[in-house]
Amino acid sequence: MYKVFVNESPIIITSSLNKENNYPVYPFKEVIFKDLIAQLKNNFLTGIILYSTDLEHDWRIFTENLKVVPAAGGLVLNTHKEVLFIYRNDTWDLPKGKIEKGESIETAALREVEEECGIFNLSLDKKLLTTYHIYDQNGLHLKETHWFLMHSNYKKELIPQLEEGITQVVFKNKTEIEAAFQNTYANIKLVYDTYQEI
């Protein structure tokens, strides 16, 4: 299964017919891609399920319509098991950024977390998942973000990367995370839920 968000509305591409929600189901081959994106962007649909008989083949077709932008980031835990959040564009988020040419996914994830948060002593534990969202910036782009579980015992002041629009960097406990989830992205909840299932 692939779950791709347009704004906060999911396109679920799946080979399973088990419905877990009330989204309409369409055969993948019958969908007109540009119309689907327009309907989701304009909030005519809250989500859609595309049924595929060949998931990997149809995923390749789906991504052919988009410029794929690979990125990497981290869900960082401190010694108290609190999670590192950033505040950017009036929204709580996790640190992440684009993978540079020739850079491994793991190296990019560590670099982006360090740069955006002014944090060090990071250790990379394991890959959590890959999330996807579509945005329009001189054409449609698919941001493919590889997320890793990380740990840090860094005790010094955290410094937000202001030139990237980040105004706060803070570790949050469970109660604070629940509050932050009132103002975050659906993909960030997916990352946290995946961590909770470990």
Protein backbone atom coordinates (compact mmCIF):
# COMPACT_ATOMS: atom_id res chain seq x y z
CA MET A 1 0.00 0.00 0.00
CA TYR A 2 1.10 3.56 -0.74
CA LYS A 3 -0.48 6.55 1.00
CA VAL A 4 0.13 9.92 -0.68
CA PHE A 5 -1.22 13.14 0.79
CA VAL A 6 -2.51 16.10 -1.21
CA ASN A 7 -2.93 18.81 1.40
CA GLU A 8 -4.17 16.54 4.21
CA SER A 9 -6.27 14.26 2.00
CA PRO A 10 -4.88 10.80 1.18
CA ILE A 11 -4.64 8.93 -2.09
CA ILE A 12 -4.37 5.30 -1.01
CA ILE A 13 -3.03 3.00 -3.73
CA THR A 14 -3.61 -0.58 -2.64
CA SER A 15 -4.06 -4.12 -3.86
CA SER A 16 -6.41 -4.89 -0.95
CA LEU A 17 -10.17 -4.47 -1.04
CA ASN A 18 -10.50 -4.26 2.76
CA LYS A 19 -11.94 -0.79 3.38
CA GLU A 20 -10.87 0.89 6.61
CA ASN A 21 -12.65 4.20 5.97
CA ASN A 22 -15.41 5.81 3.92
CA TYR A 23 -13.29 6.93 0.96
CA PRO A 24 -14.61 6.06 -2.50
CA VAL A 25 -12.83 3.22 -4.32
CA TYR A 26 -11.89 3.39 -8.00
CA PRO A 27 -9.87 1.04 -10.20
CA PHE A 28 -6.41 2.59 -10.64
CA LYS A 29 -6.60 2.27 -14.43
CA GLU A 30 -9.81 4.34 -14.67
CA VAL A 31 -8.57 7.43 -12.85
CA ILE A 32 -7.55 10.61 -14.67
CA PHE A 33 -4.57 11.78 -12.65
CA LYS A 34 -4.87 15.56 -13.13
CA ASP A 35 -8.60 15.53 -12.32
CA LEU A 36 -7.96 13.54 -9.15
CA ILE A 37 -5.29 15.96 -7.91
CA ALA A 38 -7.53 18.95 -8.68
CA GLN A 39 -10.44 17.44 -6.75
CA LEU A 40 -8.23 16.78 -3.71
CA LYS A 41 -6.57 20.21 -3.86
CA ASN A 42 -9.98 21.90 -4.00
CA ASN A 43 -11.33 19.75 -1.14
CA PHE A 44 -14.01 18.11 -3.30
CA LEU A 45 -12.72 14.78 -1.96
CA THR A 46 -11.46 14.06 1.56
CA GLY A 47 -9.58 11.01 0.28
CA ILE A 48 -9.70 8.26 -2.33
CA ILE A 49 -8.71 4.62 -2.65
CA LEU A 50 -7.23 3.44 -5.95
CA TYR A 51 -7.47 -0.32 -6.32
CA SER A 52 -4.49 -1.83 -8.13
CA THR A 53 -4.06 -5.34 -9.54
CA ASP A 54 -0.29 -4.72 -9.91
CA LEU A 55 0.82 -2.40 -7.11
CA GLU A 56 4.47 -1.81 -8.06
CA HIS A 57 3.66 -1.32 -11.75
CA ASP A 58 0.86 1.15 -10.97
CA TRP A 59 3.07 3.01 -8.45
CA ARG A 60 5.65 3.54 -11.22
CA ILE A 61 2.91 4.89 -13.49
CA PHE A 62 1.67 7.17 -10.68
CA THR A 63 5.14 8.64 -10.06
CA GLU A 64 5.76 9.24 -13.79
CA ASN A 65 3.32 12.16 -13.56
CA LEU A 66 5.38 13.84 -10.84
CA LYS A 67 8.85 15.18 -10.17
CA VAL A 68 10.06 13.03 -7.26
CA VAL A 69 11.94 14.98 -4.57
CA PRO A 70 13.82 12.63 -2.21
CA ALA A 71 14.15 13.81 1.40
CA ALA A 72 15.13 12.38 4.77
CA GLY A 73 14.50 13.19 8.39
CA GLY A 74 14.29 11.89 11.90
CA LEU A 75 12.12 11.23 14.89
CA VAL A 76 14.66 12.04 17.61
CA LEU A 77 14.33 10.82 21.20
CA ASN A 78 16.21 12.29 24.14
CA THR A 79 17.14 10.40 27.32
CA HIS A 80 13.60 11.04 28.67
CA LYS A 81 11.98 9.50 25.53
CA GLU A 82 10.68 12.94 24.53
CA VAL A 83 10.39 13.66 20.79
CA LEU A 84 12.16 16.54 19.01
CA PHE A 85 9.78 18.89 17.15
CA ILE A 86 10.30 21.99 15.04
CA TYR A 87 7.84 24.83 14.49
CA ARG A 88 7.77 26.11 10.90
CA ASN A 89 5.08 27.90 8.87
CA ASP A 90 2.85 28.04 11.98
CA THR A 91 2.83 24.21 12.13
CA TRP A 92 4.53 21.59 14.31
CA ASP A 93 6.75 19.32 12.25
CA LEU A 94 9.67 16.90 12.52
CA PRO A 95 13.08 17.86 11.11
CA LYS A 96 13.71 16.76 7.53
CA GLY A 97 15.08 18.03 4.25
CA LYS A 98 16.15 17.26 0.71
CA ILE A 99 18.84 14.68 0.01
CA GLU A 100 21.84 16.27 -1.70
CA LYS A 101 23.42 14.76 -4.81
CA GLY A 102 25.70 11.86 -3.94
CA GLU A 103 24.51 11.77 -0.33
CA SER A 104 23.17 8.62 1.30
CA ILE A 105 19.68 8.68 2.82
CA GLU A 106 21.09 8.10 6.32
CA THR A 107 23.70 10.87 6.00
CA ALA A 108 21.06 13.29 4.73
CA ALA A 109 18.73 12.48 7.62
CA LEU A 110 21.43 13.12 10.22
CA ARG A 111 22.63 16.31 8.49
CA GLU A 112 19.14 17.78 8.15
CA VAL A 113 18.26 17.15 11.81
CA GLU A 114 21.57 18.71 12.93
CA GLU A 115 21.17 21.75 10.65
CA GLU A 116 17.51 22.45 11.42
CA CYS A 117 17.74 21.94 15.19
CA GLY A 118 21.31 22.79 16.19
CA ILE A 119 21.55 19.38 17.86
CA PHE A 120 24.48 16.96 17.92
CA ASN A 121 25.45 13.56 19.39
CA LEU A 122 22.85 11.90 17.16
CA SER A 123 22.78 8.16 16.70
CA LEU A 124 20.68 6.56 14.00
CA ASP A 125 18.70 3.56 15.24
CA LYS A 126 16.53 2.20 12.39
CA LYS A 127 14.39 3.20 9.43
CA LEU A 128 10.77 3.86 10.41
CA LEU A 129 8.95 4.38 7.10
CA THR A 130 8.72 6.46 3.93
CA THR A 131 6.00 9.11 3.60
CA TYR A 132 4.71 10.84 0.48
CA HIS A 133 2.98 14.12 -0.24
CA ILE A 134 2.25 16.08 -3.40
CA TYR A 135 2.77 19.81 -3.68
CA ASP A 136 2.56 22.28 -6.55
CA GLN A 137 5.63 24.42 -7.19
CA ASN A 138 5.93 25.19 -10.90
CA GLY A 139 4.47 21.75 -11.57
CA LEU A 140 3.50 18.81 -9.38
CA HIS A 141 6.17 17.36 -7.09
CA LEU A 142 6.10 14.20 -4.99
CA LYS A 143 8.11 14.58 -1.79
CA GLU A 144 9.35 11.14 -0.77
CA THR A 145 10.64 11.39 2.80
CA HIS A 146 12.65 8.59 4.42
CA TRP A 147 12.25 8.68 8.21
CA PHE A 148 14.63 7.27 10.80
CA LEU A 149 14.43 6.75 14.54
CA MET A 150 17.31 8.61 16.20
CA HIS A 151 18.59 9.21 19.72
CA SER A 152 20.56 12.05 21.29
CA ASN A 153 21.87 12.86 24.74
CA TYR A 154 22.70 16.44 23.68
CA LYS A 155 22.12 18.78 26.65
CA LYS A 156 22.99 22.22 25.24
CA GLU A 157 20.59 24.83 23.90
CA LEU A 158 18.84 23.86 20.65
CA ILE A 159 19.11 26.46 17.89
CA PRO A 160 16.38 26.67 15.21
CA GLN A 161 17.54 27.21 11.62
CA LEU A 162 15.85 30.59 11.13
CA GLU A 163 16.80 30.85 7.44
CA GLU A 164 14.65 27.75 6.86
CA GLY A 165 11.69 29.41 8.58
CA ILE A 166 12.06 27.37 11.78
CA THR A 167 11.24 29.48 14.83
CA GLN A 168 11.19 26.84 17.61
CA VAL A 169 12.97 23.57 18.37
CA VAL A 170 11.75 21.67 21.41
CA PHE A 171 11.51 18.19 22.89
CA LYS A 172 7.91 17.27 23.72
CA ASN A 173 6.48 14.69 26.11
CA LYS A 174 3.37 12.61 25.31
CA THR A 175 0.90 15.23 26.55
CA GLU A 176 2.64 18.00 24.61
CA ILE A 177 2.77 15.79 21.50
CA GLU A 178 -1.02 15.27 21.65
CA ALA A 179 -1.44 19.07 21.78
CA ALA A 180 0.99 19.54 18.87
CA PHE A 181 -1.03 17.05 16.81
CA GLN A 182 -3.88 19.56 16.74
CA ASN A 183 -1.60 21.58 14.43
CA THR A 184 0.58 19.24 12.37
CA TYR A 185 0.60 17.27 9.12
CA ALA A 186 -0.99 13.86 8.58
CA ASN A 187 2.39 12.42 7.57
CA ILE A 188 3.92 13.46 10.91
CA LYS A 189 1.21 11.51 12.73
CA LEU A 190 2.06 8.50 10.53
CA VAL A 191 5.73 8.74 11.53
CA TYR A 192 4.83 8.94 15.24
CA ASP A 193 2.31 6.09 15.00
CA THR A 194 4.95 3.91 13.33
CA TYR A 195 7.40 4.69 16.16
CA GLN A 196 4.69 3.82 18.73
CA GLU A 197 4.20 0.40 17.11
CA ILE A 198 7.87 -0.60 17.55
